[in-house]
mmCIF file of all heavy atoms, coordinates in Angstrom:
data_MODEL
# 
_entry.id   MODEL 
# 
loop_
_atom_site.group_PDB 
_atom_site.id 
_atom_site.type_symbol 
_atom_site.label_atom_id 
_atom_site.label_alt_id 
_atom_site.label_comp_id 
_atom_site.label_asym_id 
_atom_site.label_entity_id 
_atom_site.label_seq_id 
_atom_site.pdbx_PDB_ins_code 
_atom_site.Cartn_x 
_atom_site.Cartn_y 
_atom_site.Cartn_z 
_atom_site.occupancy 
_atom_site.B_iso_or_equiv 
_atom_site.pdbx_formal_charge 
_atom_site.auth_seq_id 
_atom_site.auth_comp_id 
_atom_site.auth_asym_id 
_atom_site.auth_atom_id 
_atom_site.pdbx_PDB_model_num 
ATOM 1   N N   . TYR A 1 1  ? -35.643 70.016 88.598 1.00 0.00 ? 1  TYR A N   1 
ATOM 2   C CA  . TYR A 1 1  ? -34.844 71.230 88.765 1.00 0.00 ? 1  TYR A CA  1 
ATOM 3   C C   . TYR A 1 1  ? -35.127 72.233 87.663 1.00 0.00 ? 1  TYR A C   1 
ATOM 4   O O   . TYR A 1 1  ? -35.446 71.869 86.533 1.00 0.00 ? 1  TYR A O   1 
ATOM 5   C CB  . TYR A 1 1  ? -33.346 70.894 88.712 1.00 0.00 ? 1  TYR A CB  1 
ATOM 6   C CG  . TYR A 1 1  ? -32.905 69.960 89.800 1.00 0.00 ? 1  TYR A CG  1 
ATOM 7   C CD1 . TYR A 1 1  ? -32.979 68.586 89.634 1.00 0.00 ? 1  TYR A CD1 1 
ATOM 8   C CD2 . TYR A 1 1  ? -32.426 70.459 91.005 1.00 0.00 ? 1  TYR A CD2 1 
ATOM 9   C CE1 . TYR A 1 1  ? -32.580 67.717 90.635 1.00 0.00 ? 1  TYR A CE1 1 
ATOM 10  C CE2 . TYR A 1 1  ? -32.031 69.596 92.018 1.00 0.00 ? 1  TYR A CE2 1 
ATOM 11  C CZ  . TYR A 1 1  ? -32.112 68.234 91.822 1.00 0.00 ? 1  TYR A CZ  1 
ATOM 12  O OH  . TYR A 1 1  ? -31.719 67.385 92.824 1.00 0.00 ? 1  TYR A OH  1 
ATOM 13  N N   . TRP A 1 2  ? -34.964 73.535 87.974 1.00 0.00 ? 2  TRP A N   1 
ATOM 14  C CA  . TRP A 1 2  ? -35.006 74.608 86.987 1.00 0.00 ? 2  TRP A CA  1 
ATOM 15  C C   . TRP A 1 2  ? -33.586 74.997 86.623 1.00 0.00 ? 2  TRP A C   1 
ATOM 16  O O   . TRP A 1 2  ? -32.695 74.963 87.475 1.00 0.00 ? 2  TRP A O   1 
ATOM 17  C CB  . TRP A 1 2  ? -35.627 75.874 87.558 1.00 0.00 ? 2  TRP A CB  1 
ATOM 18  C CG  . TRP A 1 2  ? -37.086 75.915 87.735 1.00 0.00 ? 2  TRP A CG  1 
ATOM 19  C CD1 . TRP A 1 2  ? -37.739 76.148 88.914 1.00 0.00 ? 2  TRP A CD1 1 
ATOM 20  C CD2 . TRP A 1 2  ? -38.098 75.767 86.744 1.00 0.00 ? 2  TRP A CD2 1 
ATOM 21  N NE1 . TRP A 1 2  ? -39.096 76.137 88.699 1.00 0.00 ? 2  TRP A NE1 1 
ATOM 22  C CE2 . TRP A 1 2  ? -39.348 75.908 87.372 1.00 0.00 ? 2  TRP A CE2 1 
ATOM 23  C CE3 . TRP A 1 2  ? -38.078 75.503 85.366 1.00 0.00 ? 2  TRP A CE3 1 
ATOM 24  C CZ2 . TRP A 1 2  ? -40.548 75.816 86.695 1.00 0.00 ? 2  TRP A CZ2 1 
ATOM 25  C CZ3 . TRP A 1 2  ? -39.274 75.415 84.690 1.00 0.00 ? 2  TRP A CZ3 1 
ATOM 26  C CH2 . TRP A 1 2  ? -40.490 75.576 85.349 1.00 0.00 ? 2  TRP A CH2 1 
ATOM 27  N N   . LYS A 1 3  ? -33.409 75.419 85.411 1.00 0.00 ? 3  LYS A N   1 
ATOM 28  C CA  . LYS A 1 3  ? -32.209 76.129 84.982 1.00 0.00 ? 3  LYS A CA  1 
ATOM 29  C C   . LYS A 1 3  ? -32.702 77.372 84.255 1.00 0.00 ? 3  LYS A C   1 
ATOM 30  O O   . LYS A 1 3  ? -33.830 77.419 83.796 1.00 0.00 ? 3  LYS A O   1 
ATOM 31  C CB  . LYS A 1 3  ? -31.370 75.286 84.005 1.00 0.00 ? 3  LYS A CB  1 
ATOM 32  C CG  . LYS A 1 3  ? -30.580 74.186 84.683 1.00 0.00 ? 3  LYS A CG  1 
ATOM 33  C CD  . LYS A 1 3  ? -29.917 73.232 83.731 1.00 0.00 ? 3  LYS A CD  1 
ATOM 34  C CE  . LYS A 1 3  ? -29.018 73.799 82.714 1.00 0.00 ? 3  LYS A CE  1 
ATOM 35  N NZ  . LYS A 1 3  ? -28.315 72.788 81.923 1.00 0.00 ? 3  LYS A NZ  1 
ATOM 36  N N   . THR A 1 4  ? -31.867 78.369 84.149 1.00 0.00 ? 4  THR A N   1 
ATOM 37  C CA  . THR A 1 4  ? -32.247 79.574 83.424 1.00 0.00 ? 4  THR A CA  1 
ATOM 38  C C   . THR A 1 4  ? -31.279 79.826 82.280 1.00 0.00 ? 4  THR A C   1 
ATOM 39  O O   . THR A 1 4  ? -30.205 79.247 82.225 1.00 0.00 ? 4  THR A O   1 
ATOM 40  C CB  . THR A 1 4  ? -32.263 80.790 84.356 1.00 0.00 ? 4  THR A CB  1 
ATOM 41  O OG1 . THR A 1 4  ? -30.976 80.918 84.965 1.00 0.00 ? 4  THR A OG1 1 
ATOM 42  C CG2 . THR A 1 4  ? -33.315 80.642 85.436 1.00 0.00 ? 4  THR A CG2 1 
ATOM 43  N N   . ALA A 1 5  ? -31.685 80.707 81.379 1.00 0.00 ? 5  ALA A N   1 
ATOM 44  C CA  . ALA A 1 5  ? -30.894 81.148 80.215 1.00 0.00 ? 5  ALA A CA  1 
ATOM 45  C C   . ALA A 1 5  ? -30.464 80.003 79.314 1.00 0.00 ? 5  ALA A C   1 
ATOM 46  O O   . ALA A 1 5  ? -29.297 79.687 79.255 1.00 0.00 ? 5  ALA A O   1 
ATOM 47  C CB  . ALA A 1 5  ? -29.692 81.969 80.653 1.00 0.00 ? 5  ALA A CB  1 
ATOM 48  N N   . PRO A 1 6  ? -31.294 79.351 78.600 1.00 0.00 ? 6  PRO A N   1 
ATOM 49  C CA  . PRO A 1 6  ? -32.737 79.540 78.505 1.00 0.00 ? 6  PRO A CA  1 
ATOM 50  C C   . PRO A 1 6  ? -33.456 78.848 79.662 1.00 0.00 ? 6  PRO A C   1 
ATOM 51  O O   . PRO A 1 6  ? -32.851 78.081 80.396 1.00 0.00 ? 6  PRO A O   1 
ATOM 52  C CB  . PRO A 1 6  ? -33.093 78.854 77.183 1.00 0.00 ? 6  PRO A CB  1 
ATOM 53  C CG  . PRO A 1 6  ? -32.097 77.745 77.079 1.00 0.00 ? 6  PRO A CG  1 
ATOM 54  C CD  . PRO A 1 6  ? -30.832 78.301 77.693 1.00 0.00 ? 6  PRO A CD  1 
ATOM 55  N N   . THR A 1 7  ? -34.746 79.124 79.778 1.00 0.00 ? 7  THR A N   1 
ATOM 56  C CA  . THR A 1 7  ? -35.551 78.459 80.802 1.00 0.00 ? 7  THR A CA  1 
ATOM 57  C C   . THR A 1 7  ? -35.572 76.974 80.503 1.00 0.00 ? 7  THR A C   1 
ATOM 58  O O   . THR A 1 7  ? -35.923 76.554 79.414 1.00 0.00 ? 7  THR A O   1 
ATOM 59  C CB  . THR A 1 7  ? -36.993 79.015 80.799 1.00 0.00 ? 7  THR A CB  1 
ATOM 60  O OG1 . THR A 1 7  ? -36.936 80.413 81.100 1.00 0.00 ? 7  THR A OG1 1 
ATOM 61  C CG2 . THR A 1 7  ? -37.851 78.293 81.819 1.00 0.00 ? 7  THR A CG2 1 
ATOM 62  N N   . GLN A 1 8  ? -35.175 76.177 81.475 1.00 0.00 ? 8  GLN A N   1 
ATOM 63  C CA  . GLN A 1 8  ? -35.130 74.727 81.271 1.00 0.00 ? 8  GLN A CA  1 
ATOM 64  C C   . GLN A 1 8  ? -35.620 74.019 82.533 1.00 0.00 ? 8  GLN A C   1 
ATOM 65  O O   . GLN A 1 8  ? -35.219 74.351 83.637 1.00 0.00 ? 8  GLN A O   1 
ATOM 66  C CB  . GLN A 1 8  ? -33.720 74.282 80.931 1.00 0.00 ? 8  GLN A CB  1 
ATOM 67  C CG  . GLN A 1 8  ? -33.654 72.863 80.431 1.00 0.00 ? 8  GLN A CG  1 
ATOM 68  C CD  . GLN A 1 8  ? -32.281 72.531 79.874 1.00 0.00 ? 8  GLN A CD  1 
ATOM 69  O OE1 . GLN A 1 8  ? -31.267 72.803 80.512 1.00 0.00 ? 8  GLN A OE1 1 
ATOM 70  N NE2 . GLN A 1 8  ? -32.266 71.959 78.692 1.00 0.00 ? 8  GLN A NE2 1 
ATOM 71  N N   . LEU A 1 9  ? -36.495 73.056 82.313 1.00 0.00 ? 9  LEU A N   1 
ATOM 72  C CA  . LEU A 1 9  ? -37.033 72.229 83.376 1.00 0.00 ? 9  LEU A CA  1 
ATOM 73  C C   . LEU A 1 9  ? -36.490 70.826 83.172 1.00 0.00 ? 9  LEU A C   1 
ATOM 74  O O   . LEU A 1 9  ? -36.617 70.267 82.087 1.00 0.00 ? 9  LEU A O   1 
ATOM 75  C CB  . LEU A 1 9  ? -38.562 72.225 83.294 1.00 0.00 ? 9  LEU A CB  1 
ATOM 76  C CG  . LEU A 1 9  ? -39.316 71.177 84.107 1.00 0.00 ? 9  LEU A CG  1 
ATOM 77  C CD1 . LEU A 1 9  ? -39.100 71.395 85.588 1.00 0.00 ? 9  LEU A CD1 1 
ATOM 78  C CD2 . LEU A 1 9  ? -40.798 71.228 83.762 1.00 0.00 ? 9  LEU A CD2 1 
ATOM 79  N N   . GLY A 1 10 ? -35.875 70.270 84.189 1.00 0.00 ? 10 GLY A N   1 
ATOM 80  C CA  . GLY A 1 10 ? -35.393 68.892 84.134 1.00 0.00 ? 10 GLY A CA  1 
ATOM 81  C C   . GLY A 1 10 ? -36.089 68.072 85.195 1.00 0.00 ? 10 GLY A C   1 
ATOM 82  O O   . GLY A 1 10 ? -36.120 68.462 86.359 1.00 0.00 ? 10 GLY A O   1 
ATOM 83  N N   . VAL A 1 11 ? -36.684 66.949 84.792 1.00 0.00 ? 11 VAL A N   1 
ATOM 84  C CA  . VAL A 1 11 ? -37.408 66.098 85.720 1.00 0.00 ? 11 VAL A CA  1 
ATOM 85  C C   . VAL A 1 11 ? -36.993 64.661 85.478 1.00 0.00 ? 11 VAL A C   1 
ATOM 86  O O   . VAL A 1 11 ? -36.826 64.232 84.339 1.00 0.00 ? 11 VAL A O   1 
ATOM 87  C CB  . VAL A 1 11 ? -38.940 66.204 85.519 1.00 0.00 ? 11 VAL A CB  1 
ATOM 88  C CG1 . VAL A 1 11 ? -39.676 65.331 86.523 1.00 0.00 ? 11 VAL A CG1 1 
ATOM 89  C CG2 . VAL A 1 11 ? -39.411 67.642 85.621 1.00 0.00 ? 11 VAL A CG2 1 
ATOM 90  N N   . CYS A 1 12 ? -36.834 63.918 86.556 1.00 0.00 ? 12 CYS A N   1 
ATOM 91  C CA  . CYS A 1 12 ? -36.586 62.484 86.445 1.00 0.00 ? 12 CYS A CA  1 
ATOM 92  C C   . CYS A 1 12 ? -37.754 61.798 87.143 1.00 0.00 ? 12 CYS A C   1 
ATOM 93  O O   . CYS A 1 12 ? -38.090 62.114 88.277 1.00 0.00 ? 12 CYS A O   1 
ATOM 94  C CB  . CYS A 1 12 ? -35.260 62.117 87.093 1.00 0.00 ? 12 CYS A CB  1 
ATOM 95  S SG  . CYS A 1 12 ? -34.635 60.531 86.511 1.00 0.00 ? 12 CYS A SG  1 
ATOM 96  N N   . VAL A 1 13 ? -38.398 60.886 86.427 1.00 0.00 ? 13 VAL A N   1 
ATOM 97  C CA  . VAL A 1 13 ? -39.617 60.243 86.899 1.00 0.00 ? 13 VAL A CA  1 
ATOM 98  C C   . VAL A 1 13 ? -39.331 58.806 87.306 1.00 0.00 ? 13 VAL A C   1 
ATOM 99  O O   . VAL A 1 13 ? -38.957 57.991 86.464 1.00 0.00 ? 13 VAL A O   1 
ATOM 100 C CB  . VAL A 1 13 ? -40.702 60.272 85.800 1.00 0.00 ? 13 VAL A CB  1 
ATOM 101 C CG1 . VAL A 1 13 ? -41.974 59.625 86.291 1.00 0.00 ? 13 VAL A CG1 1 
ATOM 102 C CG2 . VAL A 1 13 ? -40.949 61.691 85.320 1.00 0.00 ? 13 VAL A CG2 1 
ATOM 103 N N   . ASP A 1 14 ? -39.489 58.501 88.584 1.00 0.00 ? 14 ASP A N   1 
ATOM 104 C CA  . ASP A 1 14 ? -39.378 57.135 89.100 1.00 0.00 ? 14 ASP A CA  1 
ATOM 105 C C   . ASP A 1 14 ? -38.105 56.404 88.658 1.00 0.00 ? 14 ASP A C   1 
ATOM 106 O O   . ASP A 1 14 ? -38.138 55.204 88.388 1.00 0.00 ? 14 ASP A O   1 
ATOM 107 C CB  . ASP A 1 14 ? -40.596 56.301 88.674 1.00 0.00 ? 14 ASP A CB  1 
ATOM 108 C CG  . ASP A 1 14 ? -41.892 56.875 89.194 1.00 0.00 ? 14 ASP A CG  1 
ATOM 109 O OD1 . ASP A 1 14 ? -41.878 57.458 90.293 1.00 0.00 ? 14 ASP A OD1 1 
ATOM 110 O OD2 . ASP A 1 14 ? -42.918 56.747 88.502 1.00 0.00 ? 14 ASP A OD2 1 
ATOM 111 N N   . GLU A 1 15 ? -36.986 57.142 88.566 1.00 0.00 ? 15 GLU A N   1 
ATOM 112 C CA  . GLU A 1 15 ? -35.713 56.539 88.125 1.00 0.00 ? 15 GLU A CA  1 
ATOM 113 C C   . GLU A 1 15 ? -35.869 55.828 86.779 1.00 0.00 ? 15 GLU A C   1 
ATOM 114 O O   . GLU A 1 15 ? -35.128 54.917 86.450 1.00 0.00 ? 15 GLU A O   1 
ATOM 115 C CB  . GLU A 1 15 ? -35.168 55.563 89.176 1.00 0.00 ? 15 GLU A CB  1 
ATOM 116 C CG  . GLU A 1 15 ? -34.730 56.213 90.473 1.00 0.00 ? 15 GLU A CG  1 
ATOM 117 C CD  . GLU A 1 15 ? -33.478 57.065 90.338 1.00 0.00 ? 15 GLU A CD  1 
ATOM 118 O OE1 . GLU A 1 15 ? -32.564 56.706 89.587 1.00 0.00 ? 15 GLU A OE1 1 
ATOM 119 O OE2 . GLU A 1 15 ? -33.408 58.110 91.015 1.00 0.00 ? 15 GLU A OE2 1 
ATOM 120 N N   . THR A 1 16 ? -36.861 56.246 85.979 1.00 0.00 ? 16 THR A N   1 
ATOM 121 C CA  . THR A 1 16 ? -37.140 55.609 84.694 1.00 0.00 ? 16 THR A CA  1 
ATOM 122 C C   . THR A 1 16 ? -36.999 56.569 83.528 1.00 0.00 ? 16 THR A C   1 
ATOM 123 O O   . THR A 1 16 ? -36.356 56.254 82.538 1.00 0.00 ? 16 THR A O   1 
ATOM 124 C CB  . THR A 1 16 ? -38.573 55.030 84.697 1.00 0.00 ? 16 THR A CB  1 
ATOM 125 O OG1 . THR A 1 16 ? -38.674 54.085 85.761 1.00 0.00 ? 16 THR A OG1 1 
ATOM 126 C CG2 . THR A 1 16 ? -38.895 54.339 83.387 1.00 0.00 ? 16 THR A CG2 1 
ATOM 127 N N   . TRP A 1 17 ? -37.619 57.749 83.621 1.00 0.00 ? 17 TRP A N   1 
ATOM 128 C CA  . TRP A 1 17 ? -37.632 58.703 82.517 1.00 0.00 ? 17 TRP A CA  1 
ATOM 129 C C   . TRP A 1 17 ? -36.947 60.002 82.898 1.00 0.00 ? 17 TRP A C   1 
ATOM 130 O O   . TRP A 1 17 ? -37.220 60.562 83.947 1.00 0.00 ? 17 TRP A O   1 
ATOM 131 C CB  . TRP A 1 17 ? -39.069 59.043 82.100 1.00 0.00 ? 17 TRP A CB  1 
ATOM 132 C CG  . TRP A 1 17 ? -39.842 57.873 81.626 1.00 0.00 ? 17 TRP A CG  1 
ATOM 133 C CD1 . TRP A 1 17 ? -40.863 57.252 82.285 1.00 0.00 ? 17 TRP A CD1 1 
ATOM 134 C CD2 . TRP A 1 17 ? -39.660 57.159 80.417 1.00 0.00 ? 17 TRP A CD2 1 
ATOM 135 N NE1 . TRP A 1 17 ? -41.324 56.199 81.548 1.00 0.00 ? 17 TRP A NE1 1 
ATOM 136 C CE2 . TRP A 1 17 ? -40.599 56.112 80.390 1.00 0.00 ? 17 TRP A CE2 1 
ATOM 137 C CE3 . TRP A 1 17 ? -38.792 57.279 79.351 1.00 0.00 ? 17 TRP A CE3 1 
ATOM 138 C CZ2 . TRP A 1 17 ? -40.693 55.212 79.339 1.00 0.00 ? 17 TRP A CZ2 1 
ATOM 139 C CZ3 . TRP A 1 17 ? -38.885 56.380 78.302 1.00 0.00 ? 17 TRP A CZ3 1 
ATOM 140 C CH2 . TRP A 1 17 ? -39.826 55.369 78.312 1.00 0.00 ? 17 TRP A CH2 1 
ATOM 141 N N   . ALA A 1 18 ? -36.091 60.492 82.030 1.00 0.00 ? 18 ALA A N   1 
ATOM 142 C CA  . ALA A 1 18 ? -35.523 61.823 82.148 1.00 0.00 ? 18 ALA A CA  1 
ATOM 143 C C   . ALA A 1 18 ? -36.253 62.698 81.146 1.00 0.00 ? 18 ALA A C   1 
ATOM 144 O O   . ALA A 1 18 ? -36.413 62.321 79.987 1.00 0.00 ? 18 ALA A O   1 
ATOM 145 C CB  . ALA A 1 18 ? -34.034 61.793 81.831 1.00 0.00 ? 18 ALA A CB  1 
ATOM 146 N N   . VAL A 1 19 ? -36.722 63.834 81.606 1.00 0.00 ? 19 VAL A N   1 
ATOM 147 C CA  . VAL A 1 19 ? -37.448 64.763 80.752 1.00 0.00 ? 19 VAL A CA  1 
ATOM 148 C C   . VAL A 1 19 ? -36.795 66.135 80.895 1.00 0.00 ? 19 VAL A C   1 
ATOM 149 O O   . VAL A 1 19 ? -36.521 66.576 82.013 1.00 0.00 ? 19 VAL A O   1 
ATOM 150 C CB  . VAL A 1 19 ? -38.930 64.862 81.175 1.00 0.00 ? 19 VAL A CB  1 
ATOM 151 C CG1 . VAL A 1 19 ? -39.669 65.889 80.334 1.00 0.00 ? 19 VAL A CG1 1 
ATOM 152 C CG2 . VAL A 1 19 ? -39.604 63.501 81.094 1.00 0.00 ? 19 VAL A CG2 1 
ATOM 153 N N   . ALA A 1 20 ? -36.541 66.781 79.776 1.00 0.00 ? 20 ALA A N   1 
ATOM 154 C CA  . ALA A 1 20 ? -36.071 68.164 79.794 1.00 0.00 ? 20 ALA A CA  1 
ATOM 155 C C   . ALA A 1 20 ? -36.968 68.972 78.872 1.00 0.00 ? 20 ALA A C   1 
ATOM 156 O O   . ALA A 1 20 ? -37.182 68.597 77.726 1.00 0.00 ? 20 ALA A O   1 
ATOM 157 C CB  . ALA A 1 20 ? -34.623 68.261 79.342 1.00 0.00 ? 20 ALA A CB  1 
ATOM 158 N N   . ILE A 1 21 ? -37.501 70.043 79.397 1.00 0.00 ? 21 ILE A N   1 
ATOM 159 C CA  . ILE A 1 21 ? -38.310 70.983 78.626 1.00 0.00 ? 21 ILE A CA  1 
ATOM 160 C C   . ILE A 1 21 ? -37.482 72.261 78.540 1.00 0.00 ? 21 ILE A C   1 
ATOM 161 O O   . ILE A 1 21 ? -37.172 72.872 79.563 1.00 0.00 ? 21 ILE A O   1 
ATOM 162 C CB  . ILE A 1 21 ? -39.651 71.304 79.328 1.00 0.00 ? 21 ILE A CB  1 
ATOM 163 C CG1 . ILE A 1 21 ? -40.416 70.037 79.682 1.00 0.00 ? 21 ILE A CG1 1 
ATOM 164 C CG2 . ILE A 1 21 ? -40.466 72.278 78.484 1.00 0.00 ? 21 ILE A CG2 1 
ATOM 165 C CD1 . ILE A 1 21 ? -40.863 69.204 78.529 1.00 0.00 ? 21 ILE A CD1 1 
ATOM 166 N N   . THR A 1 22 ? -37.099 72.649 77.333 1.00 0.00 ? 22 THR A N   1 
ATOM 167 C CA  . THR A 1 22 ? -36.300 73.854 77.144 1.00 0.00 ? 22 THR A CA  1 
ATOM 168 C C   . THR A 1 22 ? -37.123 74.867 76.372 1.00 0.00 ? 22 THR A C   1 
ATOM 169 O O   . THR A 1 22 ? -37.630 74.571 75.292 1.00 0.00 ? 22 THR A O   1 
ATOM 170 C CB  . THR A 1 22 ? -34.996 73.542 76.384 1.00 0.00 ? 22 THR A CB  1 
ATOM 171 O OG1 . THR A 1 22 ? -34.309 72.485 77.063 1.00 0.00 ? 22 THR A OG1 1 
ATOM 172 C CG2 . THR A 1 22 ? -34.103 74.766 76.317 1.00 0.00 ? 22 THR A CG2 1 
ATOM 173 N N   . LEU A 1 23 ? -37.249 76.046 76.932 1.00 0.00 ? 23 LEU A N   1 
ATOM 174 C CA  . LEU A 1 23 ? -38.060 77.108 76.356 1.00 0.00 ? 23 LEU A CA  1 
ATOM 175 C C   . LEU A 1 23 ? -37.138 78.218 75.875 1.00 0.00 ? 23 LEU A C   1 
ATOM 176 O O   . LEU A 1 23 ? -36.422 78.816 76.668 1.00 0.00 ? 23 LEU A O   1 
ATOM 177 C CB  . LEU A 1 23 ? -39.016 77.626 77.437 1.00 0.00 ? 23 LEU A CB  1 
ATOM 178 C CG  . LEU A 1 23 ? -40.097 78.595 77.070 1.00 0.00 ? 23 LEU A CG  1 
ATOM 179 C CD1 . LEU A 1 23 ? -41.119 77.942 76.138 1.00 0.00 ? 23 LEU A CD1 1 
ATOM 180 C CD2 . LEU A 1 23 ? -40.794 79.083 78.329 1.00 0.00 ? 23 LEU A CD2 1 
ATOM 181 N N   . TYR A 1 24 ? -37.139 78.454 74.570 1.00 0.00 ? 24 TYR A N   1 
ATOM 182 C CA  . TYR A 1 24 ? -36.357 79.537 73.979 1.00 0.00 ? 24 TYR A CA  1 
ATOM 183 C C   . TYR A 1 24 ? -37.324 80.672 73.672 1.00 0.00 ? 24 TYR A C   1 
ATOM 184 O O   . TYR A 1 24 ? -38.245 80.509 72.875 1.00 0.00 ? 24 TYR A O   1 
ATOM 185 C CB  . TYR A 1 24 ? -35.661 79.067 72.702 1.00 0.00 ? 24 TYR A CB  1 
ATOM 186 C CG  . TYR A 1 24 ? -34.718 77.919 72.957 1.00 0.00 ? 24 TYR A CG  1 
ATOM 187 C CD1 . TYR A 1 24 ? -35.128 76.604 72.773 1.00 0.00 ? 24 TYR A CD1 1 
ATOM 188 C CD2 . TYR A 1 24 ? -33.426 78.156 73.416 1.00 0.00 ? 24 TYR A CD2 1 
ATOM 189 C CE1 . TYR A 1 24 ? -34.267 75.555 73.029 1.00 0.00 ? 24 TYR A CE1 1 
ATOM 190 C CE2 . TYR A 1 24 ? -32.561 77.100 73.683 1.00 0.00 ? 24 TYR A CE2 1 
ATOM 191 C CZ  . TYR A 1 24 ? -32.991 75.808 73.476 1.00 0.00 ? 24 TYR A CZ  1 
ATOM 192 O OH  . TYR A 1 24 ? -32.146 74.767 73.738 1.00 0.00 ? 24 TYR A OH  1 
ATOM 193 N N   . ASP A 1 25 ? -37.129 81.795 74.330 1.00 0.00 ? 25 ASP A N   1 
ATOM 194 C CA  . ASP A 1 25 ? -38.065 82.909 74.235 1.00 0.00 ? 25 ASP A CA  1 
ATOM 195 C C   . ASP A 1 25 ? -37.281 84.218 74.135 1.00 0.00 ? 25 ASP A C   1 
ATOM 196 O O   . ASP A 1 25 ? -37.141 84.941 75.119 1.00 0.00 ? 25 ASP A O   1 
ATOM 197 C CB  . ASP A 1 25 ? -38.970 82.898 75.466 1.00 0.00 ? 25 ASP A CB  1 
ATOM 198 C CG  . ASP A 1 25 ? -40.051 83.944 75.418 1.00 0.00 ? 25 ASP A CG  1 
ATOM 199 O OD1 . ASP A 1 25 ? -40.147 84.675 74.417 1.00 0.00 ? 25 ASP A OD1 1 
ATOM 200 O OD2 . ASP A 1 25 ? -40.804 84.034 76.409 1.00 0.00 ? 25 ASP A OD2 1 
ATOM 201 N N   . PRO A 1 26 ? -36.774 84.544 72.946 1.00 0.00 ? 26 PRO A N   1 
ATOM 202 C CA  . PRO A 1 26 ? -35.925 85.727 72.819 1.00 0.00 ? 26 PRO A CA  1 
ATOM 203 C C   . PRO A 1 26 ? -36.631 87.045 73.138 1.00 0.00 ? 26 PRO A C   1 
ATOM 204 O O   . PRO A 1 26 ? -35.974 88.020 73.500 1.00 0.00 ? 26 PRO A O   1 
ATOM 205 C CB  . PRO A 1 26 ? -35.473 85.687 71.357 1.00 0.00 ? 26 PRO A CB  1 
ATOM 206 C CG  . PRO A 1 26 ? -36.460 84.836 70.657 1.00 0.00 ? 26 PRO A CG  1 
ATOM 207 C CD  . PRO A 1 26 ? -36.975 83.858 71.679 1.00 0.00 ? 26 PRO A CD  1 
# 
């Protein structure tokens, strides 16, 4: 899933790993 403000990507891989990439870009 995407979220905004800040840009954030959330991914769950094979019910094993949760990954969140948060991009702060003022």
